[in-house]
Amino acid sequence: MKVLALTAGRKNGNGEILAKEALMRVEELGAEVKMINLHDYRITPCSGCESCTVKFTQKGEAPECVYRGKDDMELIMKEWLGADGIISVVPAYSFMPAGIYRVFCDRHLAYEPNFHKQVGNPDYFRHRVGAIIGNGGSTRSWMSLTLECINITLLTQDIKVVDQMMVNRAPRPGQILMDDGALARARQLGENVVKGIQNYDSVGFLGDENLGWCPVCRSNVLSLGQPHWNEEGFAIECPVCHCGGDIEKDENGKWKFVIQEDGCRKSMLDGSGARDHFFEIQETMRKYFQNQEQITEKKKKYADYRPASIER
């Protein structure tokens, strides 16, 4: 049993302290642990070339990034894909996860398990669980999209999120050490990851049951439903796990999000939503290649237009 903690904050900062607290508990329960900080590695930002998607949608081959072997991404992903449990520990910057984590996750397309499964790549047929620790110096309202954004990056990697926590009001390195409750919560999160690995088929969410609107993924964000690729959407849907339903008042007059009977048919938690996305990409790619000559001709107008820029 292997558990990897991936951190995206400063070295020896609050995030690393929380990650280590969780890993100490994981290690006590008999698992092998590793921790990496993204600041120690070189990751080239995704250029949007889409060579990985062309490869698996048009050629039926396993997707592969054009930067493979040119930076440290492959080194990190070897550990990421080889772990039974992932703990992502990321600070909040202006409502969202730190940019370095986004740079890392933008390169995930070439490694998405559901895409590799469609082309029969056996290396990606494995179960993994995950947990999230978000941290920052302000109140939760100033970190409002952090857990949700990180959750999405794990779901698209076919990782079942069994726990998530947000620690706030601790801006300076080591300040979290004044919060015994947060440290204890991180230890529990580590324990929940081990429980999730041991009971993957039956395990659900093991964290705070009162966290978020969505009863499926615990996201605190909802959106008005939109049509899906091949069908109508829901009245209200969770933009993280893609489950849908509507909001209703309970017996105490409080609003709650209620998943409709077939509201999990596009769920990211069981891979059905990601599988559908494979065929969506395949179809849109096909339309491009069918009209490539016309598109190339129309692009000349924009290639020839050169607005002023900044001189270096």
C-alpha atoms as a PDB file:
ATOM      1  CA  MET A   1       0.000   0.000   0.000  1.00  0.00           C
ATOM      2  CA  LYS A   2       1.579   3.254  -1.191  1.00  0.00           C
ATOM      3  CA  VAL A   3       0.437   6.811  -0.408  1.00  0.00           C
ATOM      4  CA  LEU A   4       1.845   9.912  -2.087  1.00  0.00           C
ATOM      5  CA  ALA A   5       1.437  13.433  -0.731  1.00  0.00           C
ATOM      6  CA  LEU A   6       1.861  16.092  -3.413  1.00  0.00           C
ATOM      7  CA  THR A   7       2.296  19.628  -2.091  1.00  0.00           C
ATOM      8  CA  ALA A   8       2.278  22.955  -3.909  1.00  0.00           C
ATOM      9  CA  GLY A   9       3.141  25.437  -1.169  1.00  0.00           C
ATOM     10  CA  ARG A  10       6.334  26.802   0.297  1.00  0.00           C
ATOM     11  CA  LYS A  11       8.913  24.415   1.727  1.00  0.00           C
ATOM     12  CA  ASN A  12       8.369  23.700   5.441  1.00  0.00           C
ATOM     13  CA  GLY A  13       5.205  25.793   5.332  1.00  0.00           C
ATOM     14  CA  ASN A  14       1.767  25.071   6.729  1.00  0.00           C
ATOM     15  CA  GLY A  15       0.784  22.804   3.849  1.00  0.00           C
ATOM     16  CA  GLU A  16       3.858  20.619   4.237  1.00  0.00           C
ATOM     17  CA  ILE A  17       3.269  20.396   7.985  1.00  0.00           C
ATOM     18  CA  LEU A  18      -0.297  19.215   7.419  1.00  0.00           C
ATOM     19  CA  ALA A  19       0.865  16.779   4.734  1.00  0.00           C
ATOM     20  CA  LYS A  20       3.484  15.312   7.052  1.00  0.00           C
ATOM     21  CA  GLU A  21       0.957  14.999   9.879  1.00  0.00           C
ATOM     22  CA  ALA A  22      -1.304  13.000   7.564  1.00  0.00           C
ATOM     23  CA  LEU A  23       1.584  10.861   6.291  1.00  0.00           C
ATOM     24  CA  MET A  24       2.764  10.082   9.821  1.00  0.00           C
ATOM     25  CA  ARG A  25      -0.639   8.547  10.518  1.00  0.00           C
ATOM     26  CA  VAL A  26      -0.596   6.703   7.190  1.00  0.00           C
ATOM     27  CA  GLU A  27       2.829   5.276   8.019  1.00  0.00           C
ATOM     28  CA  GLU A  28       1.646   4.201  11.479  1.00  0.00           C
ATOM     29  CA  LEU A  29      -1.059   2.171   9.748  1.00  0.00           C
ATOM     30  CA  GLY A  30       1.530   0.273   7.726  1.00  0.00           C
ATOM     31  CA  ALA A  31       1.632   2.080   4.395  1.00  0.00           C
ATOM     32  CA  GLU A  32       4.680   3.199   2.439  1.00  0.00           C
ATOM     33  CA  VAL A  33       4.736   6.990   2.068  1.00  0.00           C
ATOM     34  CA  LYS A  34       6.360   9.577  -0.184  1.00  0.00           C
ATOM     35  CA  MET A  35       6.034  13.359  -0.404  1.00  0.00           C
ATOM     36  CA  ILE A  36       6.972  15.646  -3.264  1.00  0.00           C
ATOM     37  CA  ASN A  37       6.755  19.428  -3.533  1.00  0.00           C
ATOM     38  CA  LEU A  38       6.073  20.745  -7.032  1.00  0.00           C
ATOM     39  CA  HIS A  39       8.450  23.645  -6.445  1.00  0.00           C
ATOM     40  CA  ASP A  40      11.336  21.157  -6.583  1.00  0.00           C
ATOM     41  CA  TYR A  41      10.567  20.115 -10.161  1.00  0.00           C
ATOM     42  CA  ARG A  42      10.498  21.601 -13.636  1.00  0.00           C
ATOM     43  CA  ILE A  43       7.118  21.320 -15.360  1.00  0.00           C
ATOM     44  CA  THR A  44       6.585  22.845 -18.785  1.00  0.00           C
ATOM     45  CA  PRO A  45       3.121  24.421 -19.106  1.00  0.00           C
ATOM     46  CA  CYS A  46       0.742  22.702 -21.514  1.00  0.00           C
ATOM     47  CA  SER A  47       0.858  24.463 -24.886  1.00  0.00           C
ATOM     48  CA  GLY A  48      -2.591  23.290 -25.959  1.00  0.00           C
ATOM     49  CA  CYS A  49      -1.158  21.508 -28.999  1.00  0.00           C
ATOM     50  CA  GLU A  50      -3.646  18.637 -28.548  1.00  0.00           C
ATOM     51  CA  SER A  51      -1.280  16.061 -29.992  1.00  0.00           C
ATOM     52  CA  CYS A  52      -2.223  13.756 -27.100  1.00  0.00           C
ATOM     53  CA  THR A  53      -5.945  13.958 -27.913  1.00  0.00           C
ATOM     54  CA  VAL A  54      -5.350  13.527 -31.642  1.00  0.00           C
ATOM     55  CA  LYS A  55      -3.374  10.379 -30.916  1.00  0.00           C
ATOM     56  CA  PHE A  56      -6.066   8.632 -28.887  1.00  0.00           C
ATOM     57  CA  THR A  57      -9.182   9.913 -30.668  1.00  0.00           C
ATOM     58  CA  GLN A  58      -8.028   9.622 -34.280  1.00  0.00           C
ATOM     59  CA  LYS A  59      -5.406   6.867 -34.161  1.00  0.00           C
ATOM     60  CA  GLY A  60      -6.679   4.694 -31.317  1.00  0.00           C
ATOM     61  CA  GLU A  61      -3.298   4.907 -29.596  1.00  0.00           C
ATOM     62  CA  ALA A  62      -2.442   5.726 -25.977  1.00  0.00           C
ATOM     63  CA  PRO A  63      -2.137   9.517 -25.534  1.00  0.00           C
ATOM     64  CA  GLU A  64       1.357  10.865 -25.041  1.00  0.00           C
ATOM     65  CA  CYS A  65       2.586  14.397 -24.336  1.00  0.00           C
ATOM     66  CA  VAL A  66       5.012  16.073 -26.736  1.00  0.00           C
ATOM     67  CA  TYR A  67       7.029  17.228 -23.704  1.00  0.00           C
ATOM     68  CA  ARG A  68       7.540  13.700 -22.412  1.00  0.00           C
ATOM     69  CA  GLY A  69      11.159  13.275 -21.344  1.00  0.00           C
ATOM     70  CA  LYS A  70      11.861  17.002 -21.680  1.00  0.00           C
ATOM     71  CA  ASP A  71      11.012  17.999 -18.101  1.00  0.00           C
ATOM     72  CA  ASP A  72      10.158  16.330 -14.775  1.00  0.00           C
ATOM     73  CA  MET A  73       6.492  15.556 -15.452  1.00  0.00           C
ATOM     74  CA  GLU A  74       7.089  11.908 -16.299  1.00  0.00           C
ATOM     75  CA  LEU A  75       9.088  11.464 -13.089  1.00  0.00           C
ATOM     76  CA  ILE A  76       6.237  12.876 -11.001  1.00  0.00           C
ATOM     77  CA  MET A  77       3.536  10.929 -12.839  1.00  0.00           C
ATOM     78  CA  LYS A  78       5.375   7.649 -12.325  1.00  0.00           C
ATOM     79  CA  GLU A  79       4.925   8.129  -8.566  1.00  0.00           C
ATOM     80  CA  TRP A  80       1.401   9.576  -8.970  1.00  0.00           C
ATOM     81  CA  LEU A  81       0.164   6.645 -11.062  1.00  0.00           C
ATOM     82  CA  GLY A  82       1.957   4.084  -8.916  1.00  0.00           C
ATOM     83  CA  ALA A  83       0.331   5.203  -5.659  1.00  0.00           C
ATOM     84  CA  ASP A  84      -2.755   3.607  -4.111  1.00  0.00           C
ATOM     85  CA  GLY A  85      -3.627   6.873  -2.398  1.00  0.00           C
ATOM     86  CA  ILE A  86      -2.988  10.528  -3.274  1.00  0.00           C
ATOM     87  CA  ILE A  87      -3.102  13.469  -0.856  1.00  0.00           C
ATOM     88  CA  SER A  88      -3.080  16.810  -2.692  1.00  0.00           C
ATOM     89  CA  VAL A  89      -2.060  19.681  -0.412  1.00  0.00           C
ATOM     90  CA  VAL A  90      -2.420  23.073  -2.072  1.00  0.00           C
ATOM     91  CA  PRO A  91      -2.560  26.672  -0.777  1.00  0.00           C
ATOM     92  CA  ALA A  92      -5.328  29.022  -1.872  1.00  0.00           C
ATOM     93  CA  TYR A  93      -4.372  32.084  -3.918  1.00  0.00           C
ATOM     94  CA  SER A  94      -7.246  34.493  -4.724  1.00  0.00           C
ATOM     95  CA  PHE A  95     -10.059  31.973  -4.233  1.00  0.00           C
ATOM     96  CA  MET A  96      -8.349  29.192  -6.208  1.00  0.00           C
ATOM     97  CA  PRO A  97      -5.501  26.667  -5.921  1.00  0.00           C
ATOM     98  CA  ALA A  98      -1.966  27.948  -6.416  1.00  0.00           C
ATOM     99  CA  GLY A  99      -0.974  28.316 -10.060  1.00  0.00           C
ATOM    100  CA  ILE A 100       1.891  25.820  -9.905  1.00  0.00           C
ATOM    101  CA  TYR A 101      -0.634  23.083  -9.128  1.00  0.00           C
ATOM    102  CA  ARG A 102      -2.735  24.139 -12.109  1.00  0.00           C
ATOM    103  CA  VAL A 103       0.322  23.989 -14.371  1.00  0.00           C
ATOM    104  CA  PHE A 104       0.886  20.427 -13.179  1.00  0.00           C
ATOM    105  CA  CYS A 105      -2.752  19.418 -13.696  1.00  0.00           C
ATOM    106  CA  ASP A 106      -3.001  21.047 -17.129  1.00  0.00           C
ATOM    107  CA  ARG A 107      -0.553  18.365 -18.268  1.00  0.00           C
ATOM    108  CA  HIS A 108      -2.843  15.562 -17.005  1.00  0.00           C
ATOM    109  CA  LEU A 109      -4.670  15.133 -20.313  1.00  0.00           C
ATOM    110  CA  ALA A 110      -1.992  12.800 -21.642  1.00  0.00           C
ATOM    111  CA  TYR A 111      -2.254  10.722 -18.465  1.00  0.00           C
ATOM    112  CA  GLU A 112      -6.023  10.561 -17.914  1.00  0.00           C
ATOM    113  CA  PRO A 113      -6.931   6.962 -16.998  1.00  0.00           C
ATOM    114  CA  ASN A 114     -10.348   7.026 -18.685  1.00  0.00           C
ATOM    115  CA  PHE A 115      -8.742   7.952 -22.003  1.00  0.00           C
ATOM    116  CA  HIS A 116      -6.080   5.254 -21.674  1.00  0.00           C
ATOM    117  CA  LYS A 117      -8.771   2.719 -20.824  1.00  0.00           C
ATOM    118  CA  GLN A 118     -10.599   3.467 -24.070  1.00  0.00           C
ATOM    119  CA  VAL A 119      -7.534   2.386 -26.034  1.00  0.00           C
ATOM    120  CA  GLY A 120      -6.870  -0.616 -23.780  1.00  0.00           C
ATOM    121  CA  ASN A 121      -3.745   0.585 -21.989  1.00  0.00           C
ATOM    122  CA  PRO A 122      -3.442  -1.918 -19.065  1.00  0.00           C
ATOM    123  CA  ASP A 123      -1.234   0.352 -16.933  1.00  0.00           C
ATOM    124  CA  TYR A 124      -4.256   2.526 -16.094  1.00  0.00           C
ATOM    125  CA  PHE A 125      -6.694  -0.154 -14.922  1.00  0.00           C
ATOM    126  CA  ARG A 126      -6.270   0.319 -11.173  1.00  0.00           C
ATOM    127  CA  HIS A 127      -8.228   1.754  -8.265  1.00  0.00           C
ATOM    128  CA  ARG A 128      -6.951   4.759  -6.310  1.00  0.00           C
ATOM    129  CA  VAL A 129      -8.327   6.997  -3.592  1.00  0.00           C
ATOM    130  CA  GLY A 130      -7.512  10.580  -2.781  1.00  0.00           C
ATOM    131  CA  ALA A 131      -7.862  13.325  -0.208  1.00  0.00           C
ATOM    132  CA  ILE A 132      -7.453  17.100  -0.298  1.00  0.00           C
ATOM    133  CA  ILE A 133      -5.972  19.619   2.096  1.00  0.00           C
ATOM    134  CA  GLY A 134      -6.433  23.271   1.192  1.00  0.00           C
ATOM    135  CA  ASN A 135      -4.859  25.998   3.312  1.00  0.00           C
ATOM    136  CA  GLY A 136      -4.531  29.757   3.419  1.00  0.00           C
ATOM    137  CA  GLY A 137      -4.391  32.862   5.527  1.00  0.00           C
ATOM    138  CA  SER A 138      -7.891  34.259   5.176  1.00  0.00           C
ATOM    139  CA  THR A 139     -11.432  32.995   5.752  1.00  0.00           C
ATOM    140  CA  ARG A 140     -13.105  30.246   3.723  1.00  0.00           C
ATOM    141  CA  SER A 141     -14.954  32.857   1.652  1.00  0.00           C
ATOM    142  CA  TRP A 142     -11.595  33.938   0.190  1.00  0.00           C
ATOM    143  CA  MET A 143     -10.745  30.324  -0.675  1.00  0.00           C
ATOM    144  CA  SER A 144     -14.179  29.498  -2.048  1.00  0.00           C
ATOM    145  CA  LEU A 145     -13.147  27.531  -5.167  1.00  0.00           C
ATOM    146  CA  THR A 146     -10.025  25.831  -3.839  1.00  0.00           C
ATOM    147  CA  LEU A 147     -11.356  22.444  -2.717  1.00  0.00           C
ATOM    148  CA  GLU A 148     -13.674  22.231  -5.701  1.00  0.00           C
ATOM    149  CA  CYS A 149     -10.902  22.915  -8.241  1.00  0.00           C
ATOM    150  CA  ILE A 150      -8.593  20.345  -6.662  1.00  0.00           C
ATOM    151  CA  ASN A 151     -11.429  17.819  -6.456  1.00  0.00           C
ATOM    152  CA  ILE A 152     -11.970  18.109 -10.211  1.00  0.00           C
ATOM    153  CA  THR A 153      -8.298  17.354 -10.888  1.00  0.00           C
ATOM    154  CA  LEU A 154      -8.550  14.138  -8.876  1.00  0.00           C
ATOM    155  CA  LEU A 155     -11.860  13.008 -10.357  1.00  0.00           C
ATOM    156  CA  THR A 156     -10.511  13.382 -13.894  1.00  0.00           C
ATOM    157  CA  GLN A 157      -7.642  11.143 -12.812  1.00  0.00           C
ATOM    158  CA  ASP A 158     -10.194   8.484 -11.810  1.00  0.00           C
ATOM    159  CA  ILE A 159      -9.342   8.968  -8.131  1.00  0.00           C
ATOM    160  CA  LYS A 160     -12.124   8.479  -5.577  1.00  0.00           C
ATOM    161  CA  VAL A 161     -11.961  11.394  -3.091  1.00  0.00           C
ATOM    162  CA  VAL A 162     -12.700  10.071   0.401  1.00  0.00           C
ATOM    163  CA  ASP A 163     -11.892  13.190   2.435  1.00  0.00           C
ATOM    164  CA  GLN A 164     -11.159  16.888   2.087  1.00  0.00           C
ATOM    165  CA  MET A 165     -10.461  19.688   4.513  1.00  0.00           C
ATOM    166  CA  MET A 166      -9.783  23.419   4.419  1.00  0.00           C
ATOM    167  CA  VAL A 167      -7.566  25.149   6.946  1.00  0.00           C
ATOM    168  CA  ASN A 168      -7.693  28.949   7.045  1.00  0.00           C
ATOM    169  CA  ARG A 169      -6.500  31.923   9.120  1.00  0.00           C
ATOM    170  CA  ALA A 170      -2.899  30.654   9.104  1.00  0.00           C
ATOM    171  CA  PRO A 171      -0.907  32.884   6.719  1.00  0.00           C
ATOM    172  CA  ARG A 172       2.648  32.544   8.056  1.00  0.00           C
ATOM    173  CA  PRO A 173       4.884  29.448   7.857  1.00  0.00           C
ATOM    174  CA  GLY A 174       4.365  27.238  10.895  1.00  0.00           C
ATOM    175  CA  GLN A 175       1.343  29.182  12.176  1.00  0.00           C
ATOM    176  CA  ILE A 176      -0.765  26.054  11.756  1.00  0.00           C
ATOM    177  CA  LEU A 177       1.105  24.545  14.702  1.00  0.00           C
ATOM    178  CA  MET A 178      -1.042  26.736  16.951  1.00  0.00           C
ATOM    179  CA  ASP A 179      -4.146  24.894  15.731  1.00  0.00           C
ATOM    180  CA  ASP A 180      -4.249  21.474  17.387  1.00  0.00           C
ATOM    181  CA  GLY A 181      -7.635  20.788  15.839  1.00  0.00           C
ATOM    182  CA  ALA A 182      -6.286  21.195  12.309  1.00  0.00           C
ATOM    183  CA  LEU A 183      -3.369  18.878  13.028  1.00  0.00           C
ATOM    184  CA  ALA A 184      -5.707  16.247  14.449  1.00  0.00           C
ATOM    185  CA  ARG A 185      -7.957  16.633  11.422  1.00  0.00           C
ATOM    186  CA  ALA A 186      -4.996  16.050   9.084  1.00  0.00           C
ATOM    187  CA  ARG A 187      -4.154  12.854  10.972  1.00  0.00           C
ATOM    188  CA  GLN A 188      -7.741  11.685  10.554  1.00  0.00           C
ATOM    189  CA  LEU A 189      -7.580  12.495   6.851  1.00  0.00           C
ATOM    190  CA  GLY A 190      -4.499  10.293   6.547  1.00  0.00           C
ATOM    191  CA  GLU A 191      -6.315   7.489   8.339  1.00  0.00           C
ATOM    192  CA  ASN A 192      -9.314   7.897   6.033  1.00  0.00           C
ATOM    193  CA  VAL A 193      -7.079   7.484   2.992  1.00  0.00           C
ATOM    194  CA  VAL A 194      -5.879   4.140   4.336  1.00  0.00           C
ATOM    195  CA  LYS A 195      -9.483   3.098   5.052  1.00  0.00           C
ATOM    196  CA  GLY A 196     -10.420   4.072   1.521  1.00  0.00           C
ATOM    197  CA  ILE A 197      -7.644   1.965   0.032  1.00  0.00           C
ATOM    198  CA  GLN A 198      -8.586  -1.023   2.161  1.00  0.00           C
ATOM    199  CA  ASN A 199     -12.308  -0.760   1.368  1.00  0.00           C
ATOM    200  CA  TYR A 200     -12.313   0.775  -2.112  1.00  0.00           C
ATOM    201  CA  ASP A 201     -15.413  -0.948  -3.493  1.00  0.00           C
ATOM    202  CA  SER A 202     -17.694   0.013  -0.605  1.00  0.00           C
ATOM    203  CA  VAL A 203     -16.146   3.219   0.729  1.00  0.00           C
ATOM    204  CA  GLY A 204     -17.919   6.544   0.416  1.00  0.00           C
ATOM    205  CA  PHE A 205     -16.995   9.997   1.630  1.00  0.00           C
ATOM    206  CA  LEU A 206     -15.372   9.725   5.075  1.00  0.00           C
ATOM    207  CA  GLY A 207     -14.923  13.413   5.852  1.00  0.00           C
ATOM    208  CA  ASP A 208     -17.276  16.080   7.191  1.00  0.00           C
ATOM    209  CA  GLU A 209     -20.822  15.103   6.172  1.00  0.00           C
ATOM    210  CA  ASN A 210     -21.906  18.751   6.440  1.00  0.00           C
ATOM    211  CA  LEU A 211     -19.302  19.964   3.947  1.00  0.00           C
ATOM    212  CA  GLY A 212     -20.774  21.535   0.825  1.00  0.00           C
ATOM    213  CA  TRP A 213     -24.047  21.448  -1.104  1.00  0.00           C
ATOM    214  CA  CYS A 214     -23.472  18.282  -3.087  1.00  0.00           C
ATOM    215  CA  PRO A 215     -24.281  15.070  -1.212  1.00  0.00           C
ATOM    216  CA  VAL A 216     -22.149  13.100  -3.676  1.00  0.00           C
ATOM    217  CA  CYS A 217     -18.787  14.915  -3.809  1.00  0.00           C
ATOM    218  CA  ARG A 218     -19.329  17.563  -1.063  1.00  0.00           C
ATOM    219  CA  SER A 219     -18.718  20.454  -3.452  1.00  0.00           C
ATOM    220  CA  ASN A 220     -19.901  23.815  -2.158  1.00  0.00           C
ATOM    221  CA  VAL A 221     -20.656  25.058  -5.690  1.00  0.00           C
ATOM    222  CA  LEU A 222     -23.782  24.526  -7.809  1.00  0.00           C
ATOM    223  CA  SER A 223     -24.632  25.694 -11.311  1.00  0.00           C
ATOM    224  CA  LEU A 224     -27.702  26.023 -13.513  1.00  0.00           C
ATOM    225  CA  GLY A 225     -27.994  22.949 -15.681  1.00  0.00           C
ATOM    226  CA  GLN A 226     -26.729  23.021 -19.246  1.00  0.00           C
ATOM    227  CA  PRO A 227     -27.321  20.580 -22.119  1.00  0.00           C
ATOM    228  CA  HIS A 228     -24.782  17.773 -22.133  1.00  0.00           C
ATOM    229  CA  TRP A 229     -22.996  16.598 -25.247  1.00  0.00           C
ATOM    230  CA  ASN A 230     -25.621  14.055 -26.262  1.00  0.00           C
ATOM    231  CA  GLU A 231     -28.662  14.861 -24.100  1.00  0.00           C
ATOM    232  CA  GLU A 232     -30.418  17.478 -21.988  1.00  0.00           C
ATOM    233  CA  GLY A 233     -28.890  18.407 -18.682  1.00  0.00           C
ATOM    234  CA  PHE A 234     -30.397  18.847 -15.223  1.00  0.00           C
ATOM    235  CA  ALA A 235     -32.207  21.791 -13.650  1.00  0.00           C
ATOM    236  CA  ILE A 236     -29.324  22.220 -11.209  1.00  0.00           C
ATOM    237  CA  GLU A 237     -26.045  20.337 -11.356  1.00  0.00           C
ATOM    238  CA  CYS A 238     -22.809  20.016  -9.457  1.00  0.00           C
ATOM    239  CA  PRO A 239     -20.020  21.347 -11.699  1.00  0.00           C
ATOM    240  CA  VAL A 240     -17.513  19.068  -9.959  1.00  0.00           C
ATOM    241  CA  CYS A 241     -19.002  15.563 -10.075  1.00  0.00           C
ATOM    242  CA  HIS A 242     -21.669  16.384 -12.740  1.00  0.00           C
ATOM    243  CA  CYS A 243     -24.540  14.873 -10.730  1.00  0.00           C
ATOM    244  CA  GLY A 244     -27.837  16.697 -11.110  1.00  0.00           C
ATOM    245  CA  GLY A 245     -31.205  17.405  -9.567  1.00  0.00           C
ATOM    246  CA  ASP A 246     -32.788  20.462  -8.002  1.00  0.00           C
ATOM    247  CA  ILE A 247     -32.760  22.497  -4.808  1.00  0.00           C
ATOM    248  CA  GLU A 248     -35.541  21.959  -2.284  1.00  0.00           C
ATOM    249  CA  LYS A 249     -36.392  23.080   1.233  1.00  0.00           C
ATOM    250  CA  ASP A 250     -36.157  20.486   3.977  1.00  0.00           C
ATOM    251  CA  GLU A 251     -38.521  20.117   6.950  1.00  0.00           C
ATOM    252  CA  ASN A 252     -36.616  22.887   8.766  1.00  0.00           C
ATOM    253  CA  GLY A 253     -36.977  25.346   5.908  1.00  0.00           C
ATOM    254  CA  LYS A 254     -33.337  25.087   4.842  1.00  0.00           C
ATOM    255  CA  TRP A 255     -32.346  24.729   1.211  1.00  0.00           C
ATOM    256  CA  LYS A 256     -30.629  21.523   0.111  1.00  0.00           C
ATOM    257  CA  PHE A 257     -29.477  20.026  -3.175  1.00  0.00           C
ATOM    258  CA  VAL A 258     -31.405  16.833  -3.971  1.00  0.00           C
ATOM    259  CA  ILE A 259     -30.035  14.450  -6.599  1.00  0.00           C
ATOM    260  CA  GLN A 260     -32.785  13.170  -8.895  1.00  0.00           C
ATOM    261  CA  GLU A 261     -33.357   9.440  -9.431  1.00  0.00           C
ATOM    262  CA  ASP A 262     -31.082   9.198 -12.481  1.00  0.00           C
ATOM    263  CA  GLY A 263     -29.027  12.223 -11.487  1.00  0.00           C
ATOM    264  CA  CYS A 264     -25.729  10.344 -11.337  1.00  0.00           C
ATOM    265  CA  ARG A 265     -25.818   9.078 -14.911  1.00  0.00           C
ATOM    266  CA  LYS A 266     -23.046  11.523 -15.854  1.00  0.00           C
ATOM    267  CA  SER A 267     -21.125  11.110 -12.613  1.00  0.00           C
ATOM    268  CA  MET A 268     -17.385  11.619 -12.591  1.00  0.00           C
ATOM    269  CA  LEU A 269     -17.138   9.375  -9.540  1.00  0.00           C
ATOM    270  CA  ASP A 270     -17.719   6.144 -11.451  1.00  0.00           C
ATOM    271  CA  GLY A 271     -16.054   7.207 -14.690  1.00  0.00           C
ATOM    272  CA  SER A 272     -19.250   7.401 -16.761  1.00  0.00           C
ATOM    273  CA  GLY A 273     -18.915  11.145 -17.284  1.00  0.00           C
ATOM    274  CA  ALA A 274     -15.284  10.869 -18.342  1.00  0.00           C
ATOM    275  CA  ARG A 275     -16.051   8.019 -20.747  1.00  0.00           C
ATOM    276  CA  ASP A 276     -18.699  10.170 -22.398  1.00  0.00           C
ATOM    277  CA  HIS A 277     -16.156  12.975 -22.667  1.00  0.00           C
ATOM    278  CA  PHE A 278     -13.844  10.673 -24.650  1.00  0.00           C
ATOM    279  CA  PHE A 279     -16.431  10.311 -27.416  1.00  0.00           C
ATOM    280  CA  GLU A 280     -17.247  14.018 -27.290  1.00  0.00           C
ATOM    281  CA  ILE A 281     -13.609  14.876 -27.946  1.00  0.00           C
ATOM    282  CA  GLN A 282     -13.435  12.226 -30.649  1.00  0.00           C
ATOM    283  CA  GLU A 283     -16.403  13.730 -32.483  1.00  0.00           C
ATOM    284  CA  THR A 284     -15.226  17.349 -32.257  1.00  0.00           C
ATOM    285  CA  MET A 285     -11.751  16.302 -33.445  1.00  0.00           C
ATOM    286  CA  ARG A 286     -13.289  14.493 -36.416  1.00  0.00           C
ATOM    287  CA  LYS A 287     -15.168  17.656 -37.412  1.00  0.00           C
ATOM    288  CA  TYR A 288     -11.884  19.554 -37.406  1.00  0.00           C
ATOM    289  CA  PHE A 289     -10.101  17.152 -39.729  1.00  0.00           C
ATOM    290  CA  GLN A 290     -13.106  16.990 -42.045  1.00  0.00           C
ATOM    291  CA  ASN A 291     -12.929  20.780 -42.462  1.00  0.00           C
ATOM    292  CA  GLN A 292      -9.188  21.330 -42.055  1.00  0.00           C
ATOM    293  CA  GLU A 293      -8.623  22.810 -45.501  1.00  0.00           C
ATOM    294  CA  GLN A 294     -11.374  25.406 -45.045  1.00  0.00           C
ATOM    295  CA  ILE A 295     -10.178  26.261 -41.535  1.00  0.00           C
ATOM    296  CA  THR A 296      -6.589  26.737 -42.741  1.00  0.00           C
ATOM    297  CA  GLU A 297      -7.737  29.151 -45.427  1.00  0.00           C
ATOM    298  CA  LYS A 298      -9.854  31.192 -42.987  1.00  0.00           C
ATOM    299  CA  LYS A 299      -7.023  31.343 -40.437  1.00  0.00           C
ATOM    300  CA  LYS A 300      -4.868  33.412 -42.791  1.00  0.00           C
ATOM    301  CA  LYS A 301      -6.860  36.545 -41.953  1.00  0.00           C
ATOM    302  CA  TYR A 302      -5.868  36.256 -38.304  1.00  0.00           C
ATOM    303  CA  ALA A 303      -2.316  35.066 -38.896  1.00  0.00           C
ATOM    304  CA  ASP A 304      -1.687  38.144 -41.037  1.00  0.00           C
ATOM    305  CA  TYR A 305      -3.114  40.569 -38.465  1.00  0.00           C
ATOM    306  CA  ARG A 306      -0.283  41.756 -36.181  1.00  0.00           C
ATOM    307  CA  PRO A 307      -1.446  44.123 -33.416  1.00  0.00           C
ATOM    308  CA  ALA A 308       1.201  45.982 -31.441  1.00  0.00           C
ATOM    309  CA  SER A 309       2.784  44.116 -28.541  1.00  0.00           C
ATOM    310  CA  ILE A 310       5.427  44.783 -25.870  1.00  0.00           C
ATOM    311  CA  GLU A 311       9.051  44.967 -26.933  1.00  0.00           C
ATOM    312  CA  ARG A 312      11.645  43.109 -24.875  1.00  0.00           C
END
